[in-house]
Amino acid sequence: MQELDPWKDIDTDGYLFANAPMGQTWGNLHWLSLILCNNYTGRKSCLEIGTWHGAFSTFLGLIFPNATITADIRDQRSEHTKWLHHLLGVKFEQADCHKVDELRALVNKVVRPAFFFCDGGNKPKEFLLLAPMLQESDIIGVHDVGTEFNCADKKIAECIDMYQLIAIPMYEDEEGKLSYGVTETRSMYWMKK
């Protein structure tokens, strides 16, 4: 039996976190921690669309204990991850987040202002469905920006403008230029004005 090295890729795109595959980069965990725990505190709960194996849900449960909901069309979490989620109060909901009624039911369960993360099977659709449901000071994030999600797409750009979503910079470089994290994390975040 081959041993897994938790610091190396375990599949084509992911890492191991809390003994489960994770599609997020270590850089995304770092920047998201800074965003939610330092710069933009005050979020009271979280809804993650797209659980996969639940590693990122575990991370979110550390930031939002007893206030994280993760949703997917099927439960792929291991028994170990389910146990961690139980300890952290992470609730798994089996739902099709591409159906507006099911998504709205999930959104109605979170305490506002909240953090929402789109990482399911169709990130543009999830973003477009979720954006009209956001309230002031909610934060929305999307994974796989630049591959599966394109901010320059006409519908996405119009949605960002229509719902007054302000991009959250992750850091300033030596020249004073703001970075929105796409290269480093493959994720991007906005706050509802």
Foldseek 3Di string as FASTA:
>chain_A
DDDDDQVDQPDDAFGAALRWTDNWDPLVLVLVCCCDVPVQDDAAAEEEEACAQNRVVLSRLVSHFLHYEYEEQDHNHDPSNVVSCVVRNYHYDNDDLLDLVRVVVVVVPHDPPHEYEQDHDQRVSNCLSCLVVHDAFRKYKYAQEPHRHDCPPPSNVVSCVVQVWAWDFRDADPVRDTHQCCVPIRMTMTGGD
